[in-house]
Amino acid sequence: MATPEHAAADRTAGATPDATSGPAPVPILTGPTAAGKTALALAIAERWGLEIASMDSMAVYRRMDVGTAKPAAVERARVPHHLIDLVEPSESFDTATWCRAAEDLLAAARRTGRRLLFVGGTPLYLMAFFKGMLDGSRADPALRAELAAREAAEPGALHRELARRDPEAAARIHPNDHKRLIRALEVLEQTGRPISAQQTTFASDAWRVPCRIVVVDRDRDELRARIRARTERMLDAGLLDETRAIRDSCGFSRTAAAAIGYAECLQHLARPFKDREELRNRIRRATHRLVRRQLTWLRRLREARWVRPDAPADAVAADLLG
C-alpha cells in the first residue's frame, strides 16, 4: 500500500553496504496495531532463517499475555523470539532500557552469525534505537513522583513550566497529558537539553543503525473491523481475569498500568463500568487513538516501503533483506 510520497522516497536507510562498510542493514517489519504484522513476520522469518526481535513496548512484561497479543507458544516454537517477557509488570521499564537490551541482542546475533528481524508497532523504540536518543535520559522515579505531586497540588503547573523552558515541546503536549509533560521535564533536568531536540534527531536523514523498513498497513475500515474483533477475542480469552490476577499479586508499575486494555480493566475493577460493552468500547477507542499515533510516526519514515499484509512474502523479504 505504497503512498506516492513513499514510492518516491530514496530509501537511504535501506541502502545495502558494500563489503567494507560494515554489517548489512537490519530488517524491520512494523505497522499499526491489528494490521497483521505477526503472520507475515513468521512466514518470512521461518522461510529465511531469521529470529524475531520484538519491538513492542508492552510485550516486555511477563504475565501480560492476553492484552498484548504476545506470540503464542506454538509461534515461538516455530521461530525464536527475543525481547519478550523481560520484566515483571511491577517493574519500571523505559525506552532507554529497551535500547540497551536491543543493542546487546544485535551484537550477540552478529557475533554468532544469526539474523534478526525486528517486528513490532512501537515507533518510539524504532526511532530511539535506529536513529538514536538523548544520552542520560533514564527514568528517575523520585523526580517523576516529585513532578506528579507538584501537578496534583497545582494543576497546570507542569505545562506552564515546560512552556517556559521548552516552548516547542509544550506546544505539542496537551496540558492534561501528564505522562509526557513529566517526561519532558525529566529530560530537561537530567540532560540540560530540551526533549524537542530529540525530534530534531528523529527528523534527520541520519540513521545510527542502518536498516530496511517495511510498514504493514490496511484500509481504515479493515483496521476498525479487526480492532473490534481483536478486542472481543481478548475479553473472551480472559483479559479482565488476567488483569485482576496481576493486580492482586505483583501489581502494575505506572508504565504497565497504562497499557491499553489493562488500563481500562483496572478502571473497571476499581469502579465497574455499566457493562462489558462499555469496557469493550473504551478499549476499542483507546486502540484507535494508538493506531492514529502510530501512523503519524510511521508516515515520517520516507525510507519505508508500505505493503498490505497479504503481499507475497517473497516480495516483502526482498525489500527487507535486499
Protein backbone atom coordinates (compact mmCIF):
# COMPACT_ATOMS: atom_id res chain seq x y z
CA MET A 1 0.00 0.00 0.00
CA ALA A 2 2.69 2.47 -1.00
CA THR A 3 1.64 6.11 -0.93
CA PRO A 4 3.03 8.43 -3.64
CA GLU A 5 5.45 10.11 -1.24
CA HIS A 6 6.73 6.76 0.00
CA ALA A 7 7.02 5.37 -3.51
CA ALA A 8 9.19 8.33 -4.44
CA ALA A 9 11.46 8.01 -1.42
CA ASP A 10 15.16 7.42 -1.97
CA ARG A 11 15.23 4.91 0.93
CA THR A 12 18.67 5.93 2.18
CA ALA A 13 18.24 3.83 5.33
CA GLY A 14 17.84 0.75 3.17
CA ALA A 15 20.98 1.14 1.10
CA THR A 16 22.95 -2.11 1.08
CA PRO A 17 26.53 -1.55 2.26
CA ASP A 18 29.50 -2.82 0.34
CA ALA A 19 31.95 -5.26 1.84
CA THR A 20 33.92 -2.54 3.64
CA SER A 21 31.04 -0.50 5.05
CA GLY A 22 30.01 -2.73 7.93
CA PRO A 23 27.13 -5.07 8.75
CA ALA A 24 24.13 -5.43 6.47
CA PRO A 25 21.11 -3.25 7.25
CA VAL A 26 18.78 -4.62 9.92
CA PRO A 27 15.33 -5.60 8.60
CA ILE A 28 12.32 -4.04 10.37
CA LEU A 29 8.68 -5.03 9.91
CA THR A 30 6.38 -2.53 11.59
CA GLY A 31 2.89 -1.11 11.29
CA PRO A 32 -0.15 -0.12 13.34
CA THR A 33 -1.81 -2.40 15.86
CA ALA A 34 -4.01 -5.09 14.26
CA ALA A 35 -2.55 -4.60 10.78
CA GLY A 36 -1.36 -8.21 10.52
CA LYS A 37 2.38 -7.99 11.17
CA THR A 38 2.71 -11.24 13.10
CA ALA A 39 1.63 -13.72 10.42
CA LEU A 40 3.77 -12.05 7.76
CA ALA A 41 6.78 -11.84 10.08
CA LEU A 42 6.51 -15.53 10.99
CA ALA A 43 6.30 -16.57 7.34
CA ILE A 44 9.37 -14.53 6.41
CA ALA A 45 11.41 -15.48 9.48
CA GLU A 46 10.68 -19.19 9.10
CA ARG A 47 11.47 -19.30 5.40
CA TRP A 48 14.64 -17.22 5.50
CA GLY A 49 16.05 -18.46 8.80
CA LEU A 50 15.58 -15.28 10.81
CA GLU A 51 14.93 -14.80 14.53
CA ILE A 52 12.35 -12.25 15.64
CA ALA A 53 13.22 -9.34 17.95
CA SER A 54 10.04 -7.91 19.44
CA MET A 55 9.67 -4.14 19.12
CA ASP A 56 6.59 -3.92 21.34
CA SER A 57 6.71 -1.81 24.49
CA MET A 58 4.21 -3.99 26.41
CA ALA A 59 5.43 -7.43 25.32
CA VAL A 60 8.42 -6.86 27.62
CA TYR A 61 6.17 -7.62 30.60
CA ARG A 62 5.71 -11.17 31.86
CA ARG A 63 2.14 -12.34 32.63
CA MET A 64 0.68 -9.63 30.38
CA ASP A 65 -0.12 -12.11 27.62
CA VAL A 66 -3.75 -11.72 26.58
CA GLY A 67 -3.80 -7.93 26.28
CA THR A 68 -0.51 -7.64 24.40
CA ALA A 69 -1.32 -10.27 21.75
CA LYS A 70 2.05 -11.80 22.53
CA PRO A 71 3.20 -14.61 20.19
CA ALA A 72 1.77 -17.92 21.31
CA ALA A 73 3.95 -20.84 22.39
CA VAL A 74 3.43 -22.59 19.07
CA GLU A 75 4.62 -19.48 17.22
CA ARG A 76 7.69 -19.17 19.42
CA ALA A 77 8.41 -22.84 18.74
CA ARG A 78 8.43 -22.12 15.01
CA VAL A 79 10.76 -19.12 15.25
CA PRO A 80 12.98 -17.96 18.16
CA HIS A 81 11.68 -14.71 19.70
CA HIS A 82 13.62 -12.16 21.74
CA LEU A 83 12.91 -9.06 23.86
CA ILE A 84 9.71 -10.61 25.25
CA ASP A 85 8.95 -11.30 28.93
CA LEU A 86 11.91 -9.31 30.22
CA VAL A 87 10.46 -7.91 33.48
CA GLU A 88 7.55 -8.27 35.89
CA PRO A 89 4.58 -5.89 35.46
CA SER A 90 5.55 -4.25 38.76
CA GLU A 91 8.96 -3.18 37.42
CA SER A 92 9.84 0.04 35.65
CA PHE A 93 10.86 -0.28 32.03
CA ASP A 94 11.57 2.54 29.59
CA THR A 95 12.83 3.19 26.08
CA ALA A 96 16.46 3.51 27.14
CA THR A 97 16.32 0.12 28.88
CA TRP A 98 14.84 -1.49 25.77
CA CYS A 99 17.51 0.12 23.58
CA ARG A 100 20.28 -1.36 25.74
CA ALA A 101 18.66 -4.80 25.55
CA ALA A 102 18.29 -4.48 21.77
CA GLU A 103 21.92 -3.37 21.45
CA ASP A 104 23.13 -6.43 23.37
CA LEU A 105 20.90 -8.74 21.32
CA LEU A 106 22.03 -7.32 17.99
CA ALA A 107 25.71 -7.51 18.98
CA ALA A 108 25.34 -11.12 20.09
CA ALA A 109 23.50 -12.05 16.90
CA ARG A 110 26.22 -10.53 14.75
CA ARG A 111 28.94 -12.35 16.68
CA THR A 112 27.24 -15.70 16.18
CA GLY A 113 26.05 -15.12 12.62
CA ARG A 114 22.33 -15.16 13.46
CA ARG A 115 19.99 -12.80 11.60
CA LEU A 116 17.30 -10.78 13.34
CA LEU A 117 14.01 -9.40 12.07
CA PHE A 118 12.73 -6.58 14.29
CA VAL A 119 8.93 -6.73 14.46
CA GLY A 120 6.51 -4.51 16.34
CA GLY A 121 4.36 -1.43 16.47
CA THR A 122 6.19 0.84 18.95
CA PRO A 123 7.62 3.59 16.73
CA LEU A 124 9.47 5.23 19.63
CA TYR A 125 11.53 2.07 20.08
CA LEU A 126 12.27 2.03 16.36
CA MET A 127 13.32 5.68 16.26
CA ALA A 128 15.27 5.69 19.51
CA PHE A 129 17.30 2.59 18.68
CA PHE A 130 17.88 3.02 14.97
CA LYS A 131 18.09 6.84 14.88
CA GLY A 132 19.45 7.41 18.38
CA MET A 133 18.09 9.01 21.53
CA LEU A 134 19.25 11.63 24.01
CA ASP A 135 22.02 10.40 26.29
CA GLY A 136 21.48 10.21 30.03
CA SER A 137 17.69 10.37 29.86
CA ARG A 138 16.87 7.36 32.02
CA ALA A 139 13.75 7.19 34.15
CA ASP A 140 14.09 8.81 37.57
CA PRO A 141 11.23 7.54 39.79
CA ALA A 142 11.91 10.07 42.57
CA LEU A 143 11.89 13.01 40.17
CA ARG A 144 8.76 11.73 38.46
CA ALA A 145 6.98 11.41 41.80
CA GLU A 146 8.02 14.95 42.72
CA LEU A 147 6.71 16.33 39.42
CA ALA A 148 3.46 14.38 39.74
CA ALA A 149 2.96 15.76 43.26
CA ARG A 150 3.58 19.28 42.01
CA GLU A 151 0.94 18.87 39.32
CA ALA A 152 -1.55 17.41 41.79
CA ALA A 153 -1.03 20.37 44.13
CA GLU A 154 -1.23 22.96 41.36
CA PRO A 155 -2.96 21.70 38.20
CA GLY A 156 -1.36 23.12 35.07
CA ALA A 157 1.97 23.84 36.76
CA LEU A 158 3.95 21.37 34.68
CA HIS A 159 2.69 22.66 31.35
CA ARG A 160 3.44 26.25 32.37
CA GLU A 161 6.97 25.28 33.39
CA LEU A 162 7.54 23.37 30.16
CA ALA A 163 6.20 26.32 28.12
CA ARG A 164 8.83 28.49 29.78
CA ARG A 165 11.73 26.06 29.40
CA ASP A 166 10.87 24.19 26.16
CA PRO A 167 8.09 26.05 24.33
CA GLU A 168 8.38 23.81 21.25
CA ALA A 169 7.62 20.68 23.28
CA ALA A 170 4.88 22.46 25.26
CA ALA A 171 3.14 23.37 22.00
CA ARG A 172 2.91 19.66 21.11
CA ILE A 173 1.87 18.30 24.52
CA HIS A 174 -1.63 18.74 25.88
CA PRO A 175 -1.77 20.27 29.38
CA ASN A 176 -3.59 17.15 30.62
CA ASP A 177 -1.03 14.71 29.20
CA HIS A 178 0.83 14.42 32.49
CA LYS A 179 2.95 11.44 31.44
CA ARG A 180 4.54 13.29 28.52
CA LEU A 181 4.87 16.52 30.50
CA ILE A 182 6.72 14.69 33.27
CA ARG A 183 8.99 13.00 30.74
CA ALA A 184 9.82 16.29 29.00
CA LEU A 185 10.74 17.97 32.30
CA GLU A 186 12.67 14.88 33.39
CA VAL A 187 14.84 15.08 30.27
CA LEU A 188 15.46 18.77 30.89
CA GLU A 189 16.55 18.13 34.46
CA GLN A 190 18.78 15.19 33.58
CA THR A 191 20.43 16.41 30.39
CA GLY A 192 20.03 20.17 30.33
CA ARG A 193 18.66 19.76 26.81
CA PRO A 194 15.03 20.11 25.72
CA ILE A 195 13.21 16.99 24.63
CA SER A 196 12.29 18.83 21.44
CA ALA A 197 15.94 18.33 20.45
CA GLN A 198 15.12 14.62 20.24
CA GLN A 199 12.66 15.40 17.47
CA THR A 200 15.48 17.04 15.54
CA THR A 201 17.41 13.77 15.77
CA PHE A 202 14.39 11.79 14.63
CA ALA A 203 13.74 14.16 11.72
CA SER A 204 17.29 13.97 10.37
CA ASP A 205 18.27 11.72 7.47
CA ALA A 206 20.99 10.02 9.52
CA TRP A 207 20.50 6.52 10.91
CA ARG A 208 22.62 5.27 13.79
CA VAL A 209 21.94 1.66 12.78
CA PRO A 210 21.39 1.10 9.03
CA CYS A 211 18.10 -0.66 8.41
CA ARG A 212 15.44 -1.59 5.87
CA ILE A 213 11.88 -0.76 6.90
CA VAL A 214 8.61 -2.26 5.70
CA VAL A 215 5.33 -0.92 7.10
CA VAL A 216 2.31 -3.26 7.07
CA ASP A 217 -0.93 -1.31 6.73
CA ARG A 218 -4.61 -1.80 5.91
CA ASP A 219 -7.55 0.34 4.88
CA ARG A 220 -9.09 2.18 7.82
CA ASP A 221 -12.36 0.19 7.62
CA GLU A 222 -10.41 -3.06 7.74
CA LEU A 223 -8.42 -1.88 10.73
CA ARG A 224 -11.56 -0.84 12.60
CA ALA A 225 -13.16 -4.24 12.00
CA ARG A 226 -10.01 -6.06 13.10
CA ILE A 227 -9.69 -3.94 16.24
CA ARG A 228 -13.32 -4.71 17.09
CA ALA A 229 -12.72 -8.45 16.66
CA ARG A 230 -9.38 -8.31 18.47
CA THR A 231 -10.93 -6.61 21.49
CA GLU A 232 -13.68 -9.23 21.68
CA ARG A 233 -11.14 -12.04 21.48
CA MET A 234 -9.07 -10.56 24.30
CA LEU A 235 -12.07 -10.18 26.58
CA ASP A 236 -13.25 -13.71 25.73
CA ALA A 237 -9.73 -15.00 26.46
CA GLY A 238 -9.81 -13.60 29.98
CA LEU A 239 -8.21 -10.17 29.84
CA LEU A 240 -10.14 -8.99 32.88
CA ASP A 241 -9.14 -12.05 34.91
CA GLU A 242 -5.50 -11.65 33.84
CA THR A 243 -5.55 -8.00 34.93
CA ARG A 244 -7.09 -8.90 38.29
CA ALA A 245 -4.50 -11.65 38.88
CA ILE A 246 -1.59 -9.30 38.21
CA ARG A 247 -3.11 -6.51 40.31
CA ASP A 248 -3.63 -8.86 43.24
CA SER A 249 -0.15 -10.43 43.06
CA CYS A 250 2.83 -8.35 41.98
CA GLY A 251 0.85 -5.29 40.91
CA PHE A 252 1.40 -2.92 37.97
CA SER A 253 4.08 -0.28 37.55
CA ARG A 254 2.96 3.10 36.24
CA THR A 255 4.02 2.17 32.69
CA ALA A 256 2.48 -1.30 32.69
CA ALA A 257 -0.77 0.05 34.15
CA ALA A 258 -1.05 2.44 31.20
CA ALA A 259 -1.13 -0.40 28.64
CA ILE A 260 -4.26 -0.35 26.51
CA GLY A 261 -6.71 -2.98 27.71
CA TYR A 262 -5.12 -3.27 31.13
CA ALA A 263 -5.71 0.41 31.93
CA GLU A 264 -9.41 0.07 31.12
CA CYS A 265 -9.72 -3.21 33.01
CA LEU A 266 -8.08 -1.67 36.08
CA GLN A 267 -10.58 1.18 35.92
CA HIS A 268 -13.41 -1.32 35.61
CA LEU A 269 -12.16 -3.32 38.58
CA ALA A 270 -11.88 -0.18 40.71
CA ARG A 271 -15.24 1.29 39.72
CA PRO A 272 -17.20 -1.01 37.41
CA PHE A 273 -18.48 0.37 34.13
CA LYS A 274 -22.10 -0.17 33.16
CA ASP A 275 -21.40 -3.46 31.40
CA ARG A 276 -18.94 -5.40 29.27
CA GLU A 277 -19.97 -3.40 26.22
CA GLU A 278 -18.73 -0.19 27.80
CA LEU A 279 -15.44 -1.85 28.76
CA ARG A 280 -15.05 -3.16 25.21
CA ASN A 281 -15.82 0.24 23.68
CA ARG A 282 -13.33 2.03 25.91
CA ILE A 283 -10.60 -0.41 24.89
CA ARG A 284 -11.53 -0.02 21.22
CA ARG A 285 -11.43 3.78 21.40
CA ALA A 286 -8.05 3.73 23.11
CA THR A 287 -6.74 1.33 20.45
CA HIS A 288 -7.97 3.59 17.64
CA ARG A 289 -6.14 6.53 19.25
CA LEU A 290 -2.99 4.42 19.45
CA VAL A 291 -3.27 3.50 15.78
CA ARG A 292 -3.54 7.16 14.81
CA ARG A 293 -0.40 7.96 16.81
CA GLN A 294 1.48 5.01 15.30
CA LEU A 295 0.60 6.07 11.76
CA THR A 296 1.61 9.66 12.45
CA TRP A 297 5.08 8.45 13.43
CA LEU A 298 5.40 5.92 10.63
CA ARG A 299 4.40 8.33 7.87
CA ARG A 300 7.51 10.34 8.69
CA LEU A 301 9.68 7.46 7.53
CA ARG A 302 10.17 8.36 3.89
CA GLU A 303 12.59 5.43 3.53
CA ALA A 304 9.93 2.86 4.37
CA ARG A 305 8.16 0.58 1.94
CA TRP A 306 4.41 0.26 2.66
CA VAL A 307 2.68 -3.06 1.93
CA ARG A 308 -0.56 -4.87 2.64
CA PRO A 309 -0.42 -7.89 4.94
CA ASP A 310 -1.37 -10.19 2.06
CA ALA A 311 1.64 -9.08 0.00
CA PRO A 312 3.74 -12.03 -1.22
CA ALA A 313 6.30 -12.97 1.41
CA ASP A 314 9.00 -13.23 -1.27
CA ALA A 315 8.45 -9.61 -2.32
CA VAL A 316 8.41 -8.30 1.25
CA ALA A 317 11.54 -10.32 2.09
CA ALA A 318 13.27 -8.78 -0.92
CA ASP A 319 12.52 -5.32 0.45
CA LEU A 320 13.72 -6.31 3.90
CA LEU A 321 16.78 -8.38 3.06
CA GLY A 322 17.93 -6.95 -0.24
